[in-house]
Amino acid sequence: MSKKSDTVQTGDHSNVFVYVATLLIAGAAAVVAFFRRRNA
């Protein structure tokens, strides 16, 4: 929990990284679900 308060100044970069990572994971999950639904 202390690491978050220490990186307040660089929060923008970490937030962007987390946002992009979340988009990639969500996109991959959507693609997998789409193909699974299509095959089934």
PDB file of N, CA and C in Angstrom:
ATOM      1  N   MET A   1       0.839  -1.205   0.000  1.00  0.00           N
ATOM      2  CA  MET A   1       0.000   0.000   0.000  1.00  0.00           C
ATOM      3  C   MET A   1       0.871   1.250   0.000  1.00  0.00           C
ATOM      4  N   SER A   2       2.062   1.180   0.608  1.00  0.00           N
ATOM      5  CA  SER A   2       2.929   2.361   0.698  1.00  0.00           C
ATOM      6  C   SER A   2       3.520   2.696  -0.670  1.00  0.00           C
ATOM      7  N   LYS A   3       3.659   1.702  -1.543  1.00  0.00           N
ATOM      8  CA  LYS A   3       4.249   1.968  -2.862  1.00  0.00           C
ATOM      9  C   LYS A   3       3.368   2.941  -3.652  1.00  0.00           C
ATOM     10  N   LYS A   4       2.064   2.820  -3.528  1.00  0.00           N
ATOM     11  CA  LYS A   4       1.163   3.703  -4.281  1.00  0.00           C
ATOM     12  C   LYS A   4       1.378   5.153  -3.874  1.00  0.00           C
ATOM     13  N   SER A   5       1.502   5.423  -2.594  1.00  0.00           N
ATOM     14  CA  SER A   5       1.673   6.803  -2.133  1.00  0.00           C
ATOM     15  C   SER A   5       3.055   7.324  -2.532  1.00  0.00           C
ATOM     16  N   ASP A   6       4.029   6.431  -2.682  1.00  0.00           N
ATOM     17  CA  ASP A   6       5.383   6.862  -3.057  1.00  0.00           C
ATOM     18  C   ASP A   6       5.437   7.263  -4.533  1.00  0.00           C
ATOM     19  N   THR A   7       4.622   6.632  -5.369  1.00  0.00           N
ATOM     20  CA  THR A   7       4.681   6.900  -6.812  1.00  0.00           C
ATOM     21  C   THR A   7       3.520   7.790  -7.239  1.00  0.00           C
ATOM     22  N   VAL A   8       3.263   8.842  -6.480  1.00  0.00           N
ATOM     23  CA  VAL A   8       2.158   9.743  -6.828  1.00  0.00           C
ATOM     24  C   VAL A   8       2.533  10.575  -8.049  1.00  0.00           C
ATOM     25  N   GLN A   9       3.802  11.022  -8.126  1.00  0.00           N
ATOM     26  CA  GLN A   9       4.240  11.875  -9.240  1.00  0.00           C
ATOM     27  C   GLN A   9       4.232  11.101 -10.556  1.00  0.00           C
ATOM     28  N   THR A  10       4.587   9.818 -10.526  1.00  0.00           N
ATOM     29  CA  THR A  10       4.635   9.022 -11.754  1.00  0.00           C
ATOM     30  C   THR A  10       3.341   8.225 -11.916  1.00  0.00           C
ATOM     31  N   GLY A  11       2.270   8.698 -11.300  1.00  0.00           N
ATOM     32  CA  GLY A  11       1.002   7.968 -11.367  1.00  0.00           C
ATOM     33  C   GLY A  11       0.434   7.956 -12.774  1.00  0.00           C
ATOM     34  N   ASP A  12       0.681   9.034 -13.545  1.00  0.00           N
ATOM     35  CA  ASP A  12       0.129   9.106 -14.896  1.00  0.00           C
ATOM     36  C   ASP A  12       0.648   7.959 -15.764  1.00  0.00           C
ATOM     37  N   HIS A  13       1.955   7.743 -15.734  1.00  0.00           N
ATOM     38  CA  HIS A  13       2.542   6.689 -16.565  1.00  0.00           C
ATOM     39  C   HIS A  13       2.028   5.321 -16.138  1.00  0.00           C
ATOM     40  N   SER A  14       1.984   5.057 -14.846  1.00  0.00           N
ATOM     41  CA  SER A  14       1.525   3.755 -14.370  1.00  0.00           C
ATOM     42  C   SER A  14       0.047   3.567 -14.696  1.00  0.00           C
ATOM     43  N   ASN A  15      -0.728   4.641 -14.605  1.00  0.00           N
ATOM     44  CA  ASN A  15      -2.155   4.533 -14.918  1.00  0.00           C
ATOM     45  C   ASN A  15      -2.358   4.203 -16.394  1.00  0.00           C
ATOM     46  N   VAL A  16      -1.575   4.837 -17.261  1.00  0.00           N
ATOM     47  CA  VAL A  16      -1.674   4.563 -18.699  1.00  0.00           C
ATOM     48  C   VAL A  16      -1.303   3.112 -18.973  1.00  0.00           C
ATOM     49  N   PHE A  17      -0.252   2.622 -18.306  1.00  0.00           N
ATOM     50  CA  PHE A  17       0.180   1.239 -18.507  1.00  0.00           C
ATOM     51  C   PHE A  17      -0.915   0.275 -18.067  1.00  0.00           C
ATOM     52  N   VAL A  18      -1.504   0.550 -16.908  1.00  0.00           N
ATOM     53  CA  VAL A  18      -2.578  -0.314 -16.395  1.00  0.00           C
ATOM     54  C   VAL A  18      -3.787  -0.253 -17.328  1.00  0.00           C
ATOM     55  N   TYR A  19      -4.078   0.942 -17.843  1.00  0.00           N
ATOM     56  CA  TYR A  19      -5.221   1.102 -18.754  1.00  0.00           C
ATOM     57  C   TYR A  19      -5.010   0.291 -20.033  1.00  0.00           C
ATOM     58  N   VAL A  20      -3.810   0.391 -20.616  1.00  0.00           N
ATOM     59  CA  VAL A  20      -3.505  -0.348 -21.846  1.00  0.00           C
ATOM     60  C   VAL A  20      -3.525  -1.852 -21.576  1.00  0.00           C
ATOM     61  N   ALA A  21      -2.942  -2.265 -20.454  1.00  0.00           N
ATOM     62  CA  ALA A  21      -2.914  -3.691 -20.119  1.00  0.00           C
ATOM     63  C   ALA A  21      -4.337  -4.218 -19.955  1.00  0.00           C
ATOM     64  N   THR A  22      -5.191  -3.427 -19.308  1.00  0.00           N
ATOM     65  CA  THR A  22      -6.583  -3.848 -19.115  1.00  0.00           C
ATOM     66  C   THR A  22      -7.297  -3.971 -20.457  1.00  0.00           C
ATOM     67  N   LEU A  23      -7.030  -3.019 -21.362  1.00  0.00           N
ATOM     68  CA  LEU A  23      -7.663  -3.074 -22.687  1.00  0.00           C
ATOM     69  C   LEU A  23      -7.212  -4.327 -23.435  1.00  0.00           C
ATOM     70  N   LEU A  24      -5.908  -4.641 -23.355  1.00  0.00           N
ATOM     71  CA  LEU A  24      -5.386  -5.815 -24.061  1.00  0.00           C
ATOM     72  C   LEU A  24      -6.017  -7.087 -23.511  1.00  0.00           C
ATOM     73  N   ILE A  25      -6.095  -7.184 -22.180  1.00  0.00           N
ATOM     74  CA  ILE A  25      -6.672  -8.379 -21.551  1.00  0.00           C
ATOM     75  C   ILE A  25      -8.149  -8.505 -21.916  1.00  0.00           C
ATOM     76  N   ALA A  26      -8.868  -7.385 -21.848  1.00  0.00           N
ATOM     77  CA  ALA A  26     -10.298  -7.417 -22.179  1.00  0.00           C
ATOM     78  C   ALA A  26     -10.490  -7.774 -23.650  1.00  0.00           C
ATOM     79  N   GLY A  27      -9.652  -7.220 -24.515  1.00  0.00           N
ATOM     80  CA  GLY A  27      -9.750  -7.519 -25.938  1.00  0.00           C
ATOM     81  C   GLY A  27      -9.465  -8.988 -26.218  1.00  0.00           C
ATOM     82  N   ALA A  28      -8.436  -9.522 -25.590  1.00  0.00           N
ATOM     83  CA  ALA A  28      -8.092 -10.930 -25.792  1.00  0.00           C
ATOM     84  C   ALA A  28      -9.228 -11.824 -25.301  1.00  0.00           C
ATOM     85  N   ALA A  29      -9.803 -11.487 -24.156  1.00  0.00           N
ATOM     86  CA  ALA A  29     -10.904 -12.285 -23.605  1.00  0.00           C
ATOM     87  C   ALA A  29     -12.111 -12.234 -24.537  1.00  0.00           C
ATOM     88  N   ALA A  30     -12.365 -11.055 -25.114  1.00  0.00           N
ATOM     89  CA  ALA A  30     -13.503 -10.917 -26.030  1.00  0.00           C
ATOM     90  C   ALA A  30     -13.282 -11.756 -27.287  1.00  0.00           C
ATOM     91  N   VAL A  31     -12.054 -11.738 -27.811  1.00  0.00           N
ATOM     92  CA  VAL A  31     -11.742 -12.518 -29.016  1.00  0.00           C
ATOM     93  C   VAL A  31     -11.881 -14.012 -28.735  1.00  0.00           C
ATOM     94  N   VAL A  32     -11.359 -14.455 -27.596  1.00  0.00           N
ATOM     95  CA  VAL A  32     -11.453 -15.879 -27.239  1.00  0.00           C
ATOM     96  C   VAL A  32     -12.914 -16.287 -27.087  1.00  0.00           C
ATOM     97  N   ALA A  33     -13.699 -15.450 -26.413  1.00  0.00           N
ATOM     98  CA  ALA A  33     -15.119 -15.764 -26.213  1.00  0.00           C
ATOM     99  C   ALA A  33     -15.845 -15.792 -27.555  1.00  0.00           C
ATOM    100  N   PHE A  34     -15.490 -14.869 -28.451  1.00  0.00           N
ATOM    101  CA  PHE A  34     -16.133 -14.803 -29.765  1.00  0.00           C
ATOM    102  C   PHE A  34     -15.864 -16.080 -30.561  1.00  0.00           C
ATOM    103  N   PHE A  35     -14.603 -16.513 -30.597  1.00  0.00           N
ATOM    104  CA  PHE A  35     -14.265 -17.710 -31.367  1.00  0.00           C
ATOM    105  C   PHE A  35     -14.867 -18.958 -30.729  1.00  0.00           C
ATOM    106  N   ARG A  36     -14.880 -19.002 -29.386  1.00  0.00           N
ATOM    107  CA  ARG A  36     -15.477 -20.165 -28.714  1.00  0.00           C
ATOM    108  C   ARG A  36     -16.964 -20.242 -29.046  1.00  0.00           C
ATOM    109  N   ARG A  37     -17.633 -19.105 -29.046  1.00  0.00           N
ATOM    110  CA  ARG A  37     -19.069 -19.072 -29.340  1.00  0.00           C
ATOM    111  C   ARG A  37     -19.301 -19.461 -30.806  1.00  0.00           C
ATOM    112  N   ARG A  38     -18.408 -19.021 -31.669  1.00  0.00           N
ATOM    113  CA  ARG A  38     -18.551 -19.295 -33.100  1.00  0.00           C
ATOM    114  C   ARG A  38     -18.343 -20.793 -33.383  1.00  0.00           C
ATOM    115  N   ASN A  39     -17.341 -21.391 -32.729  1.00  0.00           N
ATOM    116  CA  ASN A  39     -17.059 -22.808 -32.959  1.00  0.00           C
ATOM    117  C   ASN A  39     -18.158 -23.685 -32.364  1.00  0.00           C
ATOM    118  N   ALA A  40     -18.699 -23.272 -31.220  1.00  0.00           N
ATOM    119  CA  ALA A  40     -19.730 -24.067 -30.553  1.00  0.00           C
ATOM    120  C   ALA A  40     -21.096 -23.761 -31.180  1.00  0.00           C
TER     121      ALA A  40
END
